[in-house]
Full PDB file with SEQRES, HELIX, SHEET, SSBOND, CRYST1, ORIGX, SCALE, CONECT and MASTER records, all heavy atoms in Angstrom:
SEQRES   1 A   30  VAL VAL GLY ILE MET ALA THR LYS GLY ALA GLY VAL ASN          
SEQRES   2 A   30  GLY GLU ASP LEU ASP ASP PHE VAL VAL ILE PRO TRP THR          
SEQRES   3 A   30  THR ALA GLN ARG                                              
HELIX    1 AA1 TRP A   25  GLN A   29  1                                   5    
CRYST1    1.000    1.000    1.000  90.00  90.00  90.00 P 1           1          
ORIGX1      1.000000  0.000000  0.000000        0.00000                         
ORIGX2      0.000000  1.000000  0.000000        0.00000                         
ORIGX3      0.000000  0.000000  1.000000        0.00000                         
SCALE1      1.000000  0.000000  0.000000        0.00000                         
SCALE2      0.000000  1.000000  0.000000        0.00000                         
SCALE3      0.000000  0.000000  1.000000        0.00000                         
ATOM      1  N   VAL A   1       7.295  -8.395  -3.172  1.00  0.00           N  
ATOM      2  CA  VAL A   1       7.476  -9.748  -3.481  1.00  0.00           C  
ATOM      3  C   VAL A   1       9.022 -10.123  -3.120  1.00  0.00           C  
ATOM      4  O   VAL A   1       9.882  -9.435  -3.745  1.00  0.00           O  
ATOM      5  CB  VAL A   1       7.219 -10.078  -4.953  1.00  0.00           C  
ATOM      6  CG1 VAL A   1       7.488 -11.598  -5.242  1.00  0.00           C  
ATOM      7  CG2 VAL A   1       5.769  -9.702  -5.213  1.00  0.00           C  
ATOM      8  N   VAL A   2       9.099 -11.025  -2.244  1.00  0.00           N  
ATOM      9  CA  VAL A   2      10.518 -11.457  -1.903  1.00  0.00           C  
ATOM     10  C   VAL A   2      10.919 -12.857  -2.385  1.00  0.00           C  
ATOM     11  O   VAL A   2      12.069 -13.291  -2.341  1.00  0.00           O  
ATOM     12  CB  VAL A   2      10.756 -11.381  -0.380  1.00  0.00           C  
ATOM     13  CG1 VAL A   2      10.580 -10.072   0.236  1.00  0.00           C  
ATOM     14  CG2 VAL A   2       9.825 -12.336   0.351  1.00  0.00           C  
ATOM     15  N   GLY A   3       9.856 -13.581  -2.941  1.00  0.00           N  
ATOM     16  CA  GLY A   3      10.250 -14.920  -3.467  1.00  0.00           C  
ATOM     17  C   GLY A   3       9.135 -15.536  -4.262  1.00  0.00           C  
ATOM     18  O   GLY A   3       8.034 -15.126  -4.234  1.00  0.00           O  
ATOM     19  N   ILE A   4       9.497 -16.552  -5.058  1.00  0.00           N  
ATOM     20  CA  ILE A   4       8.620 -17.379  -5.847  1.00  0.00           C  
ATOM     21  C   ILE A   4       8.741 -18.876  -5.451  1.00  0.00           C  
ATOM     22  O   ILE A   4       9.839 -19.345  -5.451  1.00  0.00           O  
ATOM     23  CB  ILE A   4       8.790 -17.207  -7.295  1.00  0.00           C  
ATOM     24  CG1 ILE A   4       8.787 -15.752  -7.720  1.00  0.00           C  
ATOM     25  CG2 ILE A   4       7.750 -17.967  -8.101  1.00  0.00           C  
ATOM     26  CD1 ILE A   4       7.602 -15.031  -7.561  1.00  0.00           C  
ATOM     27  N   MET A   5       7.706 -19.509  -5.115  1.00  0.00           N  
ATOM     28  CA  MET A   5       7.744 -20.899  -4.678  1.00  0.00           C  
ATOM     29  C   MET A   5       7.897 -21.830  -5.922  1.00  0.00           C  
ATOM     30  O   MET A   5       7.395 -21.502  -7.086  1.00  0.00           O  
ATOM     31  CB  MET A   5       6.520 -21.333  -3.879  1.00  0.00           C  
ATOM     32  CG  MET A   5       6.261 -20.466  -2.599  1.00  0.00           C  
ATOM     33  SD  MET A   5       7.686 -20.555  -1.586  1.00  0.00           S  
ATOM     34  CE  MET A   5       7.687 -22.180  -0.919  1.00  0.00           C  
ATOM     35  N   ALA A   6       8.607 -22.965  -5.757  1.00  0.00           N  
ATOM     36  CA  ALA A   6       8.634 -23.894  -6.877  1.00  0.00           C  
ATOM     37  C   ALA A   6       7.308 -24.494  -7.121  1.00  0.00           C  
ATOM     38  O   ALA A   6       6.414 -24.519  -6.227  1.00  0.00           O  
ATOM     39  CB  ALA A   6       9.624 -25.083  -6.477  1.00  0.00           C  
ATOM     40  N   THR A   7       7.094 -24.976  -8.426  1.00  0.00           N  
ATOM     41  CA  THR A   7       5.807 -25.540  -8.782  1.00  0.00           C  
ATOM     42  C   THR A   7       5.610 -26.880  -8.221  1.00  0.00           C  
ATOM     43  O   THR A   7       6.541 -27.754  -8.202  1.00  0.00           O  
ATOM     44  CB  THR A   7       5.646 -25.570 -10.389  1.00  0.00           C  
ATOM     45  OG1 THR A   7       5.795 -24.211 -10.840  1.00  0.00           O  
ATOM     46  CG2 THR A   7       4.392 -26.109 -10.803  1.00  0.00           C  
ATOM     47  N   LYS A   8       4.419 -27.097  -7.713  1.00  0.00           N  
ATOM     48  CA  LYS A   8       4.036 -28.470  -7.163  1.00  0.00           C  
ATOM     49  C   LYS A   8       2.951 -29.197  -7.970  1.00  0.00           C  
ATOM     50  O   LYS A   8       2.752 -30.331  -8.016  1.00  0.00           O  
ATOM     51  CB  LYS A   8       3.537 -28.352  -5.721  1.00  0.00           C  
ATOM     52  CG  LYS A   8       4.748 -28.234  -4.667  1.00  0.00           C  
ATOM     53  CD  LYS A   8       4.281 -28.796  -3.343  1.00  0.00           C  
ATOM     54  CE  LYS A   8       5.483 -28.937  -2.427  1.00  0.00           C  
ATOM     55  NZ  LYS A   8       5.105 -29.610  -1.098  1.00  0.00           N  
ATOM     56  N   GLY A   9       2.011 -28.372  -8.627  1.00  0.00           N  
ATOM     57  CA  GLY A   9       0.996 -28.982  -9.397  1.00  0.00           C  
ATOM     58  C   GLY A   9      -0.290 -29.199  -8.639  1.00  0.00           C  
ATOM     59  O   GLY A   9      -0.647 -28.458  -7.835  1.00  0.00           O  
ATOM     60  N   ALA A  10      -0.951 -30.381  -8.858  1.00  0.00           N  
ATOM     61  CA  ALA A  10      -2.178 -30.616  -8.219  1.00  0.00           C  
ATOM     62  C   ALA A  10      -2.124 -31.353  -6.933  1.00  0.00           C  
ATOM     63  O   ALA A  10      -1.161 -32.108  -6.748  1.00  0.00           O  
ATOM     64  CB  ALA A  10      -3.105 -31.458  -9.249  1.00  0.00           C  
ATOM     65  N   GLY A  11      -3.012 -31.153  -6.088  1.00  0.00           N  
ATOM     66  CA  GLY A  11      -3.074 -31.834  -4.760  1.00  0.00           C  
ATOM     67  C   GLY A  11      -3.839 -33.093  -4.753  1.00  0.00           C  
ATOM     68  O   GLY A  11      -4.193 -33.631  -5.896  1.00  0.00           O  
ATOM     69  N   VAL A  12      -4.074 -33.715  -3.594  1.00  0.00           N  
ATOM     70  CA  VAL A  12      -4.761 -35.034  -3.550  1.00  0.00           C  
ATOM     71  C   VAL A  12      -6.170 -34.914  -4.121  1.00  0.00           C  
ATOM     72  O   VAL A  12      -6.575 -35.904  -4.760  1.00  0.00           O  
ATOM     73  CB  VAL A  12      -4.816 -35.438  -2.038  1.00  0.00           C  
ATOM     74  CG1 VAL A  12      -5.664 -36.718  -1.998  1.00  0.00           C  
ATOM     75  CG2 VAL A  12      -3.445 -35.727  -1.445  1.00  0.00           C  
ATOM     76  N   ASN A  13      -6.798 -33.772  -3.889  1.00  0.00           N  
ATOM     77  CA  ASN A  13      -8.161 -33.615  -4.410  1.00  0.00           C  
ATOM     78  C   ASN A  13      -8.324 -32.949  -5.799  1.00  0.00           C  
ATOM     79  O   ASN A  13      -9.291 -32.563  -6.192  1.00  0.00           O  
ATOM     80  CB  ASN A  13      -9.011 -32.801  -3.360  1.00  0.00           C  
ATOM     81  CG  ASN A  13      -9.250 -33.590  -2.066  1.00  0.00           C  
ATOM     82  OD1 ASN A  13      -9.464 -34.758  -2.078  1.00  0.00           O  
ATOM     83  ND2 ASN A  13      -8.962 -32.789  -0.986  1.00  0.00           N  
ATOM     84  N   GLY A  14      -7.110 -32.797  -6.403  1.00  0.00           N  
ATOM     85  CA  GLY A  14      -6.990 -32.151  -7.674  1.00  0.00           C  
ATOM     86  C   GLY A  14      -6.942 -30.576  -7.724  1.00  0.00           C  
ATOM     87  O   GLY A  14      -6.907 -30.045  -8.833  1.00  0.00           O  
ATOM     88  N   GLU A  15      -6.831 -29.996  -6.541  1.00  0.00           N  
ATOM     89  CA  GLU A  15      -6.823 -28.598  -6.505  1.00  0.00           C  
ATOM     90  C   GLU A  15      -5.365 -28.079  -6.880  1.00  0.00           C  
ATOM     91  O   GLU A  15      -4.427 -28.821  -6.784  1.00  0.00           O  
ATOM     92  CB  GLU A  15      -7.123 -28.049  -5.076  1.00  0.00           C  
ATOM     93  CG  GLU A  15      -6.082 -28.331  -4.032  1.00  0.00           C  
ATOM     94  CD  GLU A  15      -6.168 -29.680  -3.430  1.00  0.00           C  
ATOM     95  OE1 GLU A  15      -6.790 -30.549  -3.962  1.00  0.00           O  
ATOM     96  OE2 GLU A  15      -5.529 -29.953  -2.362  1.00  0.00           O  
ATOM     97  N   ASP A  16      -5.309 -26.835  -7.287  1.00  0.00           N  
ATOM     98  CA  ASP A  16      -4.039 -26.213  -7.731  1.00  0.00           C  
ATOM     99  C   ASP A  16      -3.280 -25.743  -6.529  1.00  0.00           C  
ATOM    100  O   ASP A  16      -3.710 -24.815  -5.806  1.00  0.00           O  
ATOM    101  CB  ASP A  16      -4.276 -25.043  -8.666  1.00  0.00           C  
ATOM    102  CG  ASP A  16      -2.955 -24.419  -9.160  1.00  0.00           C  
ATOM    103  OD1 ASP A  16      -1.936 -24.926  -8.853  1.00  0.00           O  
ATOM    104  OD2 ASP A  16      -3.093 -23.399  -9.899  1.00  0.00           O  
ATOM    105  N   LEU A  17      -2.166 -26.462  -6.105  1.00  0.00           N  
ATOM    106  CA  LEU A  17      -1.390 -26.193  -4.972  1.00  0.00           C  
ATOM    107  C   LEU A  17      -0.509 -24.875  -5.146  1.00  0.00           C  
ATOM    108  O   LEU A  17      -0.136 -24.333  -4.036  1.00  0.00           O  
ATOM    109  CB  LEU A  17      -0.407 -27.423  -4.695  1.00  0.00           C  
ATOM    110  CG  LEU A  17      -1.073 -28.624  -4.251  1.00  0.00           C  
ATOM    111  CD1 LEU A  17       0.006 -29.660  -4.048  1.00  0.00           C  
ATOM    112  CD2 LEU A  17      -1.900 -28.470  -3.048  1.00  0.00           C  
ATOM    113  N   ASP A  18      -0.437 -24.437  -6.300  1.00  0.00           N  
ATOM    114  CA  ASP A  18       0.364 -23.227  -6.601  1.00  0.00           C  
ATOM    115  C   ASP A  18      -0.332 -21.979  -6.632  1.00  0.00           C  
ATOM    116  O   ASP A  18       0.313 -20.904  -6.916  1.00  0.00           O  
ATOM    117  CB  ASP A  18       1.170 -23.422  -7.916  1.00  0.00           C  
ATOM    118  CG  ASP A  18       2.041 -24.731  -7.923  1.00  0.00           C  
ATOM    119  OD1 ASP A  18       2.841 -24.888  -6.997  1.00  0.00           O  
ATOM    120  OD2 ASP A  18       1.810 -25.575  -8.871  1.00  0.00           O  
ATOM    121  N   ASP A  19      -1.573 -21.980  -6.401  1.00  0.00           N  
ATOM    122  CA  ASP A  19      -2.443 -20.834  -6.414  1.00  0.00           C  
ATOM    123  C   ASP A  19      -2.557 -20.202  -5.025  1.00  0.00           C  
ATOM    124  O   ASP A  19      -3.672 -20.447  -4.483  1.00  0.00           O  
ATOM    125  CB  ASP A  19      -3.790 -21.235  -7.078  1.00  0.00           C  
ATOM    126  CG  ASP A  19      -4.705 -19.945  -7.231  1.00  0.00           C  
ATOM    127  OD1 ASP A  19      -4.186 -18.792  -7.142  1.00  0.00           O  
ATOM    128  OD2 ASP A  19      -5.866 -20.147  -7.688  1.00  0.00           O  
ATOM    129  N   PHE A  20      -1.596 -19.382  -4.607  1.00  0.00           N  
ATOM    130  CA  PHE A  20      -1.628 -18.926  -3.307  1.00  0.00           C  
ATOM    131  C   PHE A  20      -0.601 -17.780  -3.170  1.00  0.00           C  
ATOM    132  O   PHE A  20       0.311 -17.731  -4.086  1.00  0.00           O  
ATOM    133  CB  PHE A  20      -1.395 -19.883  -2.246  1.00  0.00           C  
ATOM    134  CG  PHE A  20       0.061 -20.459  -2.224  1.00  0.00           C  
ATOM    135  CD1 PHE A  20       0.978 -19.797  -1.411  1.00  0.00           C  
ATOM    136  CD2 PHE A  20       0.383 -21.448  -3.084  1.00  0.00           C  
ATOM    137  CE1 PHE A  20       2.365 -20.385  -1.432  1.00  0.00           C  
ATOM    138  CE2 PHE A  20       1.646 -21.955  -3.221  1.00  0.00           C  
ATOM    139  CZ  PHE A  20       2.730 -21.360  -2.346  1.00  0.00           C  
ATOM    140  N   VAL A  21      -0.696 -16.946  -2.139  1.00  0.00           N  
ATOM    141  CA  VAL A  21       0.292 -15.971  -1.704  1.00  0.00           C  
ATOM    142  C   VAL A  21       0.540 -16.124  -0.276  1.00  0.00           C  
ATOM    143  O   VAL A  21      -0.396 -16.190   0.518  1.00  0.00           O  
ATOM    144  CB  VAL A  21      -0.154 -14.552  -2.058  1.00  0.00           C  
ATOM    145  CG1 VAL A  21       0.820 -13.471  -1.506  1.00  0.00           C  
ATOM    146  CG2 VAL A  21      -0.440 -14.306  -3.520  1.00  0.00           C  
ATOM    147  N   VAL A  22       1.862 -16.325   0.062  1.00  0.00           N  
ATOM    148  CA  VAL A  22       2.343 -16.363   1.505  1.00  0.00           C  
ATOM    149  C   VAL A  22       2.760 -15.004   2.005  1.00  0.00           C  
ATOM    150  O   VAL A  22       3.597 -14.371   1.347  1.00  0.00           O  
ATOM    151  CB  VAL A  22       3.451 -17.334   1.580  1.00  0.00           C  
ATOM    152  CG1 VAL A  22       4.098 -17.318   2.931  1.00  0.00           C  
ATOM    153  CG2 VAL A  22       2.773 -18.885   1.348  1.00  0.00           C  
ATOM    154  N   ILE A  23       2.197 -14.656   3.186  1.00  0.00           N  
ATOM    155  CA  ILE A  23       2.653 -13.456   3.855  1.00  0.00           C  
ATOM    156  C   ILE A  23       2.925 -13.868   5.320  1.00  0.00           C  
ATOM    157  O   ILE A  23       2.423 -14.983   5.844  1.00  0.00           O  
ATOM    158  CB  ILE A  23       1.656 -12.289   3.737  1.00  0.00           C  
ATOM    159  CG1 ILE A  23       0.330 -12.734   4.494  1.00  0.00           C  
ATOM    160  CG2 ILE A  23       1.378 -12.019   2.330  1.00  0.00           C  
ATOM    161  CD1 ILE A  23      -0.786 -11.575   4.511  1.00  0.00           C  
ATOM    162  N   PRO A  24       3.592 -13.061   6.144  1.00  0.00           N  
ATOM    163  CA  PRO A  24       3.754 -13.333   7.462  1.00  0.00           C  
ATOM    164  C   PRO A  24       2.438 -13.423   8.331  1.00  0.00           C  
ATOM    165  O   PRO A  24       1.508 -12.622   7.971  1.00  0.00           O  
ATOM    166  CB  PRO A  24       4.514 -12.174   8.098  1.00  0.00           C  
ATOM    167  CG  PRO A  24       5.261 -11.597   6.888  1.00  0.00           C  
ATOM    168  CD  PRO A  24       4.321 -11.857   5.655  1.00  0.00           C  
ATOM    169  N   TRP A  25       2.316 -14.410   9.136  1.00  0.00           N  
ATOM    170  CA  TRP A  25       1.034 -14.537   9.808  1.00  0.00           C  
ATOM    171  C   TRP A  25       0.701 -13.364  10.625  1.00  0.00           C  
ATOM    172  O   TRP A  25      -0.558 -12.968  10.887  1.00  0.00           O  
ATOM    173  CB  TRP A  25       1.004 -15.883  10.615  1.00  0.00           C  
ATOM    174  CG  TRP A  25       1.769 -15.913  11.881  1.00  0.00           C  
ATOM    175  CD1 TRP A  25       3.083 -16.260  12.049  1.00  0.00           C  
ATOM    176  CD2 TRP A  25       1.349 -15.471  13.182  1.00  0.00           C  
ATOM    177  NE1 TRP A  25       3.550 -16.023  13.285  1.00  0.00           N  
ATOM    178  CE2 TRP A  25       2.432 -15.667  14.080  1.00  0.00           C  
ATOM    179  CE3 TRP A  25       0.215 -14.989  13.721  1.00  0.00           C  
ATOM    180  CZ2 TRP A  25       2.462 -15.316  15.479  1.00  0.00           C  
ATOM    181  CZ3 TRP A  25       0.095 -14.672  15.031  1.00  0.00           C  
ATOM    182  CH2 TRP A  25       1.201 -14.790  15.892  1.00  0.00           C  
ATOM    183  N   THR A  26       1.636 -12.743  11.294  1.00  0.00           N  
ATOM    184  CA  THR A  26       1.450 -11.551  12.087  1.00  0.00           C  
ATOM    185  C   THR A  26       0.850 -10.449  11.202  1.00  0.00           C  
ATOM    186  O   THR A  26      -0.021  -9.704  11.597  1.00  0.00           O  
ATOM    187  CB  THR A  26       2.669 -11.050  12.688  1.00  0.00           C  
ATOM    188  OG1 THR A  26       3.811 -11.042  11.692  1.00  0.00           O  
ATOM    189  CG2 THR A  26       3.136 -12.056  13.725  1.00  0.00           C  
ATOM    190  N   THR A  27       1.381 -10.326   9.959  1.00  0.00           N  
ATOM    191  CA  THR A  27       0.796  -9.276   9.086  1.00  0.00           C  
ATOM    192  C   THR A  27      -0.653  -9.600   8.714  1.00  0.00           C  
ATOM    193  O   THR A  27      -1.512  -8.706   8.706  1.00  0.00           O  
ATOM    194  CB  THR A  27       1.612  -9.247   7.770  1.00  0.00           C  
ATOM    195  OG1 THR A  27       3.003  -9.109   8.104  1.00  0.00           O  
ATOM    196  CG2 THR A  27       1.225  -8.138   6.856  1.00  0.00           C  
ATOM    197  N   ALA A  28      -0.985 -10.845   8.360  1.00  0.00           N  
ATOM    198  CA  ALA A  28      -2.399 -11.229   8.139  1.00  0.00           C  
ATOM    199  C   ALA A  28      -3.300 -10.981   9.261  1.00  0.00           C  
ATOM    200  O   ALA A  28      -4.351 -10.475   9.057  1.00  0.00           O  
ATOM    201  CB  ALA A  28      -2.366 -12.614   7.578  1.00  0.00           C  
ATOM    202  N   GLN A  29      -2.793 -11.386  10.445  1.00  0.00           N  
ATOM    203  CA  GLN A  29      -3.723 -11.235  11.662  1.00  0.00           C  
ATOM    204  C   GLN A  29      -3.875  -9.876  12.065  1.00  0.00           C  
ATOM    205  O   GLN A  29      -4.979  -9.456  12.360  1.00  0.00           O  
ATOM    206  CB  GLN A  29      -2.985 -12.052  12.787  1.00  0.00           C  
ATOM    207  CG  GLN A  29      -3.897 -12.123  13.988  1.00  0.00           C  
ATOM    208  CD  GLN A  29      -3.093 -12.625  15.191  1.00  0.00           C  
ATOM    209  OE1 GLN A  29      -1.968 -12.174  15.544  1.00  0.00           O  
ATOM    210  NE2 GLN A  29      -3.583 -13.755  15.774  1.00  0.00           N  
ATOM    211  N   ARG A  30      -2.840  -8.981  12.083  1.00  0.00           N  
ATOM    212  CA  ARG A  30      -2.925  -7.734  12.653  1.00  0.00           C  
ATOM    213  C   ARG A  30      -3.335  -6.637  11.652  1.00  0.00           C  
ATOM    214  O   ARG A  30      -4.165  -5.697  11.997  1.00  0.00           O  
ATOM    215  CB  ARG A  30      -1.642  -7.245  13.312  1.00  0.00           C  
ATOM    216  CG  ARG A  30      -1.170  -8.205  14.493  1.00  0.00           C  
ATOM    217  CD  ARG A  30       0.234  -7.898  14.837  1.00  0.00           C  
ATOM    218  NE  ARG A  30       0.799  -8.957  15.682  1.00  0.00           N  
ATOM    219  CZ  ARG A  30       2.097  -9.014  16.043  1.00  0.00           C  
ATOM    220  NH1 ARG A  30       2.930  -8.086  15.554  1.00  0.00           N  
ATOM    221  NH2 ARG A  30       2.504 -10.015  16.803  1.00  0.00           N  
TER     222      ARG A  30                                                      
MASTER        0    0    0    1    0    0    0    6  221    1    0    3          
END                                                                             
């Protein structure tokens, strides 16, 4: 873990925008 994103809350459709993990796209793809 290299970072924590700031809290955003709910999106336009009410979904939780903060429920995710970001990784490099190359790592995810390969």
